[in-house]
C-alpha cells in the first residue's frame, strides 16, 4: 500500500500544480491526485513484471545458446538457477499480478531495451554470480536474490530511472517508496503458496484513501485562513515573498493538524519538515520548522485543533 509519507508528497505535488493553474476546478484536481496515486500502484506492478521480463531474457539466452551449430559444454548444460527461481515462478503464477497486468495493459514491449540493459548488468553483478554458483538451493536464497535485485540493482540503475521519468511525470519521486513496497511484499511470500501470495492493496484501508482526499480538499478550501495564520507568524516576511512550495508544505501541515485529531502533532510536524528537505530550498526545513512551531502555539492557544486517541501520543501538554 502507498505509505502516508508518499500520500502527503502526492498531495503536495498536485496542490502545487493546482496553484499554478488558472482554473479553480477542485474536482479535476482531486481526479489528478487519485490518478497520480494510481500511477504509483502501476509502478509497483511494473517492477514485478520487470523481474519476469529479465527471467524471460535469461531463458531466451539459454535457448539461443542451445541452437548454436557447435554448442559448448556450458551451452549444453546451462545454469537454470535463475530461470527456475522459486520467487520468479510464484510471480509468474500470481493471480493478483496477472489480473492487474491484464486489466491495466501493463507491458515492457515499448521499452524492451531497459530489461535487456538490466539483464546485462545482472549477469556481471557479483551477488548474482555468487547466487548462481552457490550450493544453497533453498527458497530463502531464491527470495534473497530477487529482493536484492530490486533493492540494489534496479534501484541504482540510471537507465531504469531515466526510463521511468520519460514514461510518466508522476514517477519522478516514486522509485524509493515503491522499491520498499516490493521488498515488503516479497518478504511475505511463502514456499508452496504459488498464486496465493498476496500483493499489497493500493491503500492500506479506506481510512488512508479518505485521508489523502480530505487533506488535499481541505487545504484548498481553507487556503485563506491558513495563509492568514502563516502570515501572522512569519516575522519580517510577507507570505507573497516566501517560496510557493514552502507555503504549501505549511498549509498542508496546518490542514492535517486541524482535520485529523488522531495524528499526533509531532508526527505531522516531523513529516512536513522532512518533506521540505527534499522538495523546497536548502534552508527551507529550518525556516518551515520555525514558522510551524509558532503556528502550533497560536493554534493551541486559540483551540484551533484538538487531539484525541492516538493523536495524544507525545503531546507535551497532556503529559504535564
Protein backbone atom coordinates (compact mmCIF):
# COMPACT_ATOMS: atom_id res chain seq x y z
CA UNK A 1 0.00 0.00 0.00
CA UNK A 2 1.05 3.59 -0.57
CA UNK A 3 2.66 4.99 2.58
CA UNK A 4 1.32 8.07 4.36
CA UNK A 5 4.59 9.87 3.56
CA UNK A 6 4.10 9.32 -0.16
CA UNK A 7 0.42 10.30 0.09
CA UNK A 8 1.50 13.60 1.63
CA UNK A 9 4.01 14.13 -1.18
CA UNK A 10 1.38 13.36 -3.81
CA UNK A 11 -0.98 15.87 -2.22
CA UNK A 12 1.81 18.47 -2.20
CA UNK A 13 2.69 17.93 -5.86
CA UNK A 14 -0.91 18.21 -7.07
CA UNK A 15 -1.52 21.18 -4.76
CA UNK A 16 1.48 22.88 -6.36
CA UNK A 17 0.08 22.17 -9.84
CA UNK A 18 -3.35 23.45 -8.73
CA UNK A 19 -1.82 26.73 -7.54
CA UNK A 20 -0.02 27.19 -10.85
CA UNK A 21 -3.17 26.72 -12.92
CA UNK A 22 -5.59 29.49 -13.80
CA UNK A 23 -8.75 27.50 -13.12
CA UNK A 24 -10.10 26.51 -9.69
CA UNK A 25 -11.55 23.15 -10.69
CA UNK A 26 -11.29 21.21 -7.43
CA UNK A 27 -12.97 18.09 -8.80
CA UNK A 28 -10.46 17.93 -11.65
CA UNK A 29 -7.57 18.39 -9.23
CA UNK A 30 -8.85 15.59 -7.00
CA UNK A 31 -9.09 13.31 -10.02
CA UNK A 32 -5.50 14.14 -10.88
CA UNK A 33 -4.46 13.34 -7.31
CA UNK A 34 -6.06 9.89 -7.43
CA UNK A 35 -4.63 9.31 -10.92
CA UNK A 36 -1.15 10.16 -9.60
CA UNK A 37 -1.55 7.68 -6.74
CA UNK A 38 -2.82 5.06 -9.19
CA UNK A 39 0.28 5.54 -11.34
CA UNK A 40 2.40 4.71 -8.29
CA UNK A 41 0.49 1.45 -7.99
CA UNK A 42 1.21 0.79 -11.68
CA UNK A 43 4.91 1.25 -10.97
CA UNK A 44 4.68 -1.30 -8.15
CA UNK A 45 3.39 -3.88 -10.63
CA UNK A 46 5.87 -2.80 -13.32
CA UNK A 47 8.75 -3.78 -11.04
CA UNK A 48 7.33 -7.26 -10.54
CA UNK A 49 6.86 -7.55 -14.29
CA UNK A 50 10.44 -6.39 -14.80
CA UNK A 51 11.67 -9.37 -12.77
CA UNK A 52 9.74 -11.68 -15.08
CA UNK A 53 10.99 -9.89 -18.20
CA UNK A 54 14.59 -10.36 -17.14
CA UNK A 55 13.94 -14.03 -16.35
CA UNK A 56 12.44 -14.41 -19.85
CA UNK A 57 15.55 -12.84 -21.39
CA UNK A 58 17.69 -15.26 -19.39
CA UNK A 59 15.64 -18.17 -20.72
CA UNK A 60 15.88 -16.78 -24.24
CA UNK A 61 19.68 -16.60 -23.98
CA UNK A 62 19.81 -20.22 -22.88
CA UNK A 63 17.63 -21.31 -25.82
CA UNK A 64 19.80 -19.36 -28.28
CA UNK A 65 22.95 -20.99 -26.92
CA UNK A 66 21.42 -24.45 -27.38
CA UNK A 67 20.67 -23.65 -31.02
CA UNK A 68 24.30 -22.94 -31.93
CA UNK A 69 25.74 -25.15 -34.65
CA UNK A 70 28.53 -26.15 -32.33
CA UNK A 71 27.33 -25.57 -28.77
CA UNK A 72 29.87 -25.66 -25.97
CA UNK A 73 29.65 -27.91 -22.93
CA UNK A 74 28.37 -24.93 -20.98
CA UNK A 75 25.73 -24.26 -23.67
CA UNK A 76 24.54 -27.86 -23.44
CA UNK A 77 24.44 -27.76 -19.65
CA UNK A 78 23.07 -24.30 -18.82
CA UNK A 79 22.74 -23.00 -15.29
CA UNK A 80 18.96 -22.82 -14.83
CA UNK A 81 19.11 -21.45 -11.31
CA UNK A 82 17.66 -18.01 -12.06
CA UNK A 83 15.15 -19.16 -14.68
CA UNK A 84 13.79 -21.71 -12.20
CA UNK A 85 13.97 -19.36 -9.19
CA UNK A 86 11.05 -20.15 -6.86
CA UNK A 87 10.03 -16.48 -6.47
CA UNK A 88 10.08 -15.96 -10.24
CA UNK A 89 7.77 -18.97 -10.62
CA UNK A 90 5.44 -17.65 -7.92
CA UNK A 91 5.28 -14.22 -9.53
CA UNK A 92 4.58 -15.80 -12.92
CA UNK A 93 1.63 -17.70 -11.44
CA UNK A 94 0.42 -14.94 -9.10
CA UNK A 95 -3.28 -14.40 -9.79
CA UNK A 96 -3.34 -10.83 -8.43
CA UNK A 97 -0.39 -9.81 -10.56
CA UNK A 98 -1.71 -11.44 -13.73
CA UNK A 99 -5.11 -9.82 -13.24
CA UNK A 100 -3.70 -6.33 -12.70
CA UNK A 101 -1.28 -6.53 -15.63
CA UNK A 102 -4.08 -7.70 -17.94
CA UNK A 103 -6.71 -5.21 -16.79
CA UNK A 104 -4.32 -2.25 -16.95
CA UNK A 105 -2.46 -3.42 -20.06
CA UNK A 106 0.97 -3.04 -18.47
CA UNK A 107 3.87 -4.21 -20.60
CA UNK A 108 7.58 -3.63 -21.25
CA UNK A 109 7.07 -4.12 -25.01
CA UNK A 110 7.67 -0.44 -25.85
CA UNK A 111 10.70 -0.21 -23.57
CA UNK A 112 12.33 -3.59 -24.13
CA UNK A 113 15.81 -2.04 -24.06
CA UNK A 114 15.52 -1.46 -20.31
CA UNK A 115 15.05 -5.13 -19.27
CA UNK A 116 17.88 -6.11 -21.63
CA UNK A 117 20.17 -3.47 -20.18
CA UNK A 118 19.38 -4.70 -16.67
CA UNK A 119 19.96 -8.31 -17.72
CA UNK A 120 23.42 -7.35 -18.99
CA UNK A 121 24.19 -5.64 -15.69
CA UNK A 122 22.80 -8.56 -13.70
CA UNK A 123 24.95 -11.30 -15.21
CA UNK A 124 28.15 -9.46 -14.24
CA UNK A 125 26.85 -8.44 -10.80
CA UNK A 126 28.79 -10.16 -8.01
CA UNK A 127 25.75 -11.09 -5.82
CA UNK A 128 24.12 -12.72 -8.85
CA UNK A 129 27.25 -14.64 -9.80
CA UNK A 130 27.56 -15.84 -6.21
CA UNK A 131 23.91 -16.92 -6.20
CA UNK A 132 24.25 -18.83 -9.47
CA UNK A 133 27.28 -20.72 -8.19
CA UNK A 134 26.02 -21.36 -4.67
CA UNK A 135 25.25 -24.86 -3.40
CA UNK A 136 22.43 -23.42 -1.28
CA UNK A 137 19.28 -24.20 -3.28
CA UNK A 138 16.82 -23.05 -0.61
CA UNK A 139 13.68 -20.98 -1.02
CA UNK A 140 15.22 -18.42 1.33
CA UNK A 141 18.20 -17.95 -1.01
CA UNK A 142 15.92 -17.63 -4.03
CA UNK A 143 13.94 -14.93 -2.25
CA UNK A 144 17.03 -13.08 -1.09
CA UNK A 145 18.49 -12.65 -4.58
CA UNK A 146 15.20 -11.35 -6.01
CA UNK A 147 14.88 -8.82 -3.20
CA UNK A 148 18.47 -7.70 -3.76
CA UNK A 149 17.82 -7.48 -7.48
CA UNK A 150 15.04 -4.96 -6.84
CA UNK A 151 16.51 -3.01 -3.93
CA UNK A 152 20.08 -2.84 -5.23
CA UNK A 153 20.38 -3.41 -8.98
CA UNK A 154 17.04 -1.88 -10.02
CA UNK A 155 17.24 0.97 -7.53
CA UNK A 156 20.69 2.03 -8.77
CA UNK A 157 20.05 1.67 -12.48
CA UNK A 158 20.25 5.06 -14.20
CA UNK A 159 18.71 3.55 -17.33
CA UNK A 160 15.70 2.34 -15.38
CA UNK A 161 15.21 5.61 -13.51
CA UNK A 162 15.55 7.64 -16.72
CA UNK A 163 13.09 5.32 -18.46
CA UNK A 164 10.52 5.74 -15.72
CA UNK A 165 10.90 9.53 -15.79
CA UNK A 166 10.31 9.52 -19.54
CA UNK A 167 7.22 7.32 -19.23
CA UNK A 168 5.42 9.33 -16.57
CA UNK A 169 5.96 12.62 -14.72
CA UNK A 170 4.17 11.01 -11.77
CA UNK A 171 7.04 8.55 -11.25
CA UNK A 172 9.79 11.12 -10.72
CA UNK A 173 9.82 10.66 -6.94
CA UNK A 174 8.28 7.22 -6.54
CA UNK A 175 11.08 4.71 -7.05
CA UNK A 176 12.45 4.63 -3.49
CA UNK A 177 8.98 4.24 -1.99
CA UNK A 178 7.84 1.61 -4.48
CA UNK A 179 11.05 -0.37 -4.04
CA UNK A 180 10.26 -0.61 -0.33
CA UNK A 181 6.72 -1.77 -1.18
CA UNK A 182 8.08 -4.52 -3.43
CA UNK A 183 10.60 -5.60 -0.80
CA UNK A 184 7.94 -5.82 1.92
CA UNK A 185 5.68 -7.79 -0.40
CA UNK A 186 8.35 -10.32 -1.33
CA UNK A 187 9.25 -10.84 2.31
CA UNK A 188 5.71 -12.10 2.93
CA UNK A 189 5.93 -14.72 0.16
CA UNK A 190 5.85 -18.30 1.42
CA UNK A 191 7.11 -21.51 -0.15
CA UNK A 192 4.35 -23.59 -1.70
CA UNK A 193 1.81 -20.74 -1.77
CA UNK A 194 2.07 -20.44 -5.57
CA UNK A 195 -0.55 -17.97 -6.88
CA UNK A 196 -1.94 -17.31 -3.41
CA UNK A 197 0.86 -15.00 -2.21
CA UNK A 198 -1.00 -11.66 -1.89
CA UNK A 199 0.24 -8.37 -3.27
CA UNK A 200 -0.29 -5.09 -1.45
CA UNK A 201 -3.54 -3.17 -1.96
CA UNK A 202 -3.43 0.39 -3.32
CA UNK A 203 -4.40 1.83 0.07
CA UNK A 204 -3.84 0.23 3.46
CA UNK A 205 -7.54 0.79 4.16
CA UNK A 206 -10.38 3.16 3.33
CA UNK A 207 -9.11 5.48 6.05
CA UNK A 208 -5.93 6.17 4.06
CA UNK A 209 -7.91 6.94 0.91
CA UNK A 210 -10.15 9.35 2.79
CA UNK A 211 -7.12 10.84 4.49
CA UNK A 212 -5.38 11.99 1.31
CA UNK A 213 -8.56 13.26 -0.33
CA UNK A 214 -9.61 15.19 2.78
CA UNK A 215 -6.11 16.59 3.28
CA UNK A 216 -5.96 17.87 -0.29
CA UNK A 217 -9.52 19.20 -0.42
CA UNK A 218 -9.42 20.95 2.94
CA UNK A 219 -6.03 22.51 2.18
CA UNK A 220 -7.62 24.21 -0.83
CA UNK A 221 -10.88 25.16 0.86
CA UNK A 222 -9.14 26.63 3.91
CA UNK A 223 -6.47 28.40 1.87
CA UNK A 224 -7.38 31.91 3.03
CA UNK A 225 -7.45 31.02 6.73
CA UNK A 226 -4.18 29.10 6.64
CA UNK A 227 -2.50 31.90 4.67
CA UNK A 228 -3.52 34.43 7.32
CA UNK A 229 -2.36 32.11 10.11
CA UNK A 230 1.05 31.62 8.50
CA UNK A 231 1.35 35.34 7.71
CA UNK A 232 0.77 36.27 11.37
CA UNK A 233 3.63 34.02 12.43
CA UNK A 234 6.14 34.93 9.73
CA UNK A 235 8.32 37.64 11.25
CA UNK A 236 9.72 40.17 8.77
CA UNK A 237 8.31 38.24 5.83
CA UNK A 238 5.16 38.61 3.77
CA UNK A 239 3.53 35.41 2.57
CA UNK A 240 3.87 36.59 -1.04
CA UNK A 241 7.66 36.71 -0.67
CA UNK A 242 8.03 33.14 0.62
CA UNK A 243 8.66 30.33 -1.88
CA UNK A 244 5.40 28.75 -3.00
CA UNK A 245 6.49 25.23 -2.07
CA UNK A 246 7.36 26.36 1.47
CA UNK A 247 3.91 27.89 1.82
CA UNK A 248 2.17 24.78 0.51
CA UNK A 249 4.09 22.49 2.87
CA UNK A 250 2.98 24.63 5.80
CA UNK A 251 -0.61 24.81 4.60
CA UNK A 252 -0.79 21.04 4.38
CA UNK A 253 0.68 20.77 7.87
CA UNK A 254 -1.90 23.21 9.25
CA UNK A 255 -4.69 21.31 7.50
CA UNK A 256 -3.50 18.00 8.91
CA UNK A 257 -3.29 19.43 12.43
CA UNK A 258 -6.90 20.61 12.25
CA UNK A 259 -8.59 17.84 10.29
CA UNK A 260 -7.00 14.71 11.76
CA UNK A 261 -7.28 14.55 15.57
CA UNK A 262 -5.87 11.00 15.58
CA UNK A 263 -2.48 12.10 14.16
CA UNK A 264 -0.05 13.37 16.84
CA UNK A 265 1.25 16.92 16.43
CA UNK A 266 4.87 15.69 16.45
CA UNK A 267 4.17 13.25 13.63
CA UNK A 268 2.64 15.96 11.45
CA UNK A 269 5.47 18.43 12.09
CA UNK A 270 8.22 15.85 11.56
CA UNK A 271 6.66 14.60 8.32
CA UNK A 272 6.35 18.01 6.69
CA UNK A 273 9.75 19.21 7.88
CA UNK A 274 11.28 16.08 6.31
CA UNK A 275 9.33 16.66 3.10
CA UNK A 276 10.56 20.27 2.97
CA UNK A 277 14.17 19.00 2.97
CA UNK A 278 13.62 17.32 -0.39
CA UNK A 279 11.03 19.49 -2.13
CA UNK A 280 11.91 23.02 -1.03
CA UNK A 281 15.09 25.08 -0.87
CA UNK A 282 18.21 24.07 1.06
CA UNK A 283 17.27 26.28 4.00
CA UNK A 284 13.54 25.56 3.94
CA UNK A 285 13.40 22.87 6.62
CA UNK A 286 14.80 25.23 9.28
CA UNK A 287 12.51 28.03 8.12
CA UNK A 288 9.43 25.81 7.95
CA UNK A 289 10.24 24.30 11.34
CA UNK A 290 10.47 27.73 12.97
CA UNK A 291 7.24 29.03 11.45
CA UNK A 292 5.25 25.89 12.18
CA UNK A 293 6.41 25.97 15.79
CA UNK A 294 4.90 29.45 16.16
CA UNK A 295 1.78 28.43 14.24
CA UNK A 296 1.18 25.44 16.52
CA UNK A 297 1.47 27.65 19.61
CA UNK A 298 -1.15 30.06 18.27
CA UNK A 299 -3.42 27.20 17.24
CA UNK A 300 -3.16 25.64 20.70
CA UNK A 301 -3.84 28.95 22.43
CA UNK A 302 -6.93 29.52 20.30
CA UNK A 303 -8.18 25.94 20.48
CA UNK A 304 -7.95 25.54 16.71
CA UNK A 305 -7.32 21.81 16.95
CA UNK A 306 -7.98 19.09 19.47
CA UNK A 307 -6.17 15.77 19.50
CA UNK A 308 -7.74 12.53 20.65
CA UNK A 309 -6.83 8.84 20.91
CA UNK A 310 -3.56 8.14 19.10
CA UNK A 311 -3.26 11.85 18.41
CA UNK A 312 -2.39 12.47 22.08
CA UNK A 313 0.81 10.42 21.87
CA UNK A 314 3.82 12.59 22.55
CA UNK A 315 1.69 15.65 23.32
CA UNK A 316 3.69 17.60 25.92
CA UNK A 317 0.59 19.37 27.17
CA UNK A 318 -1.25 16.17 28.05
CA UNK A 319 1.89 14.69 29.62
CA UNK A 320 2.47 17.62 32.02
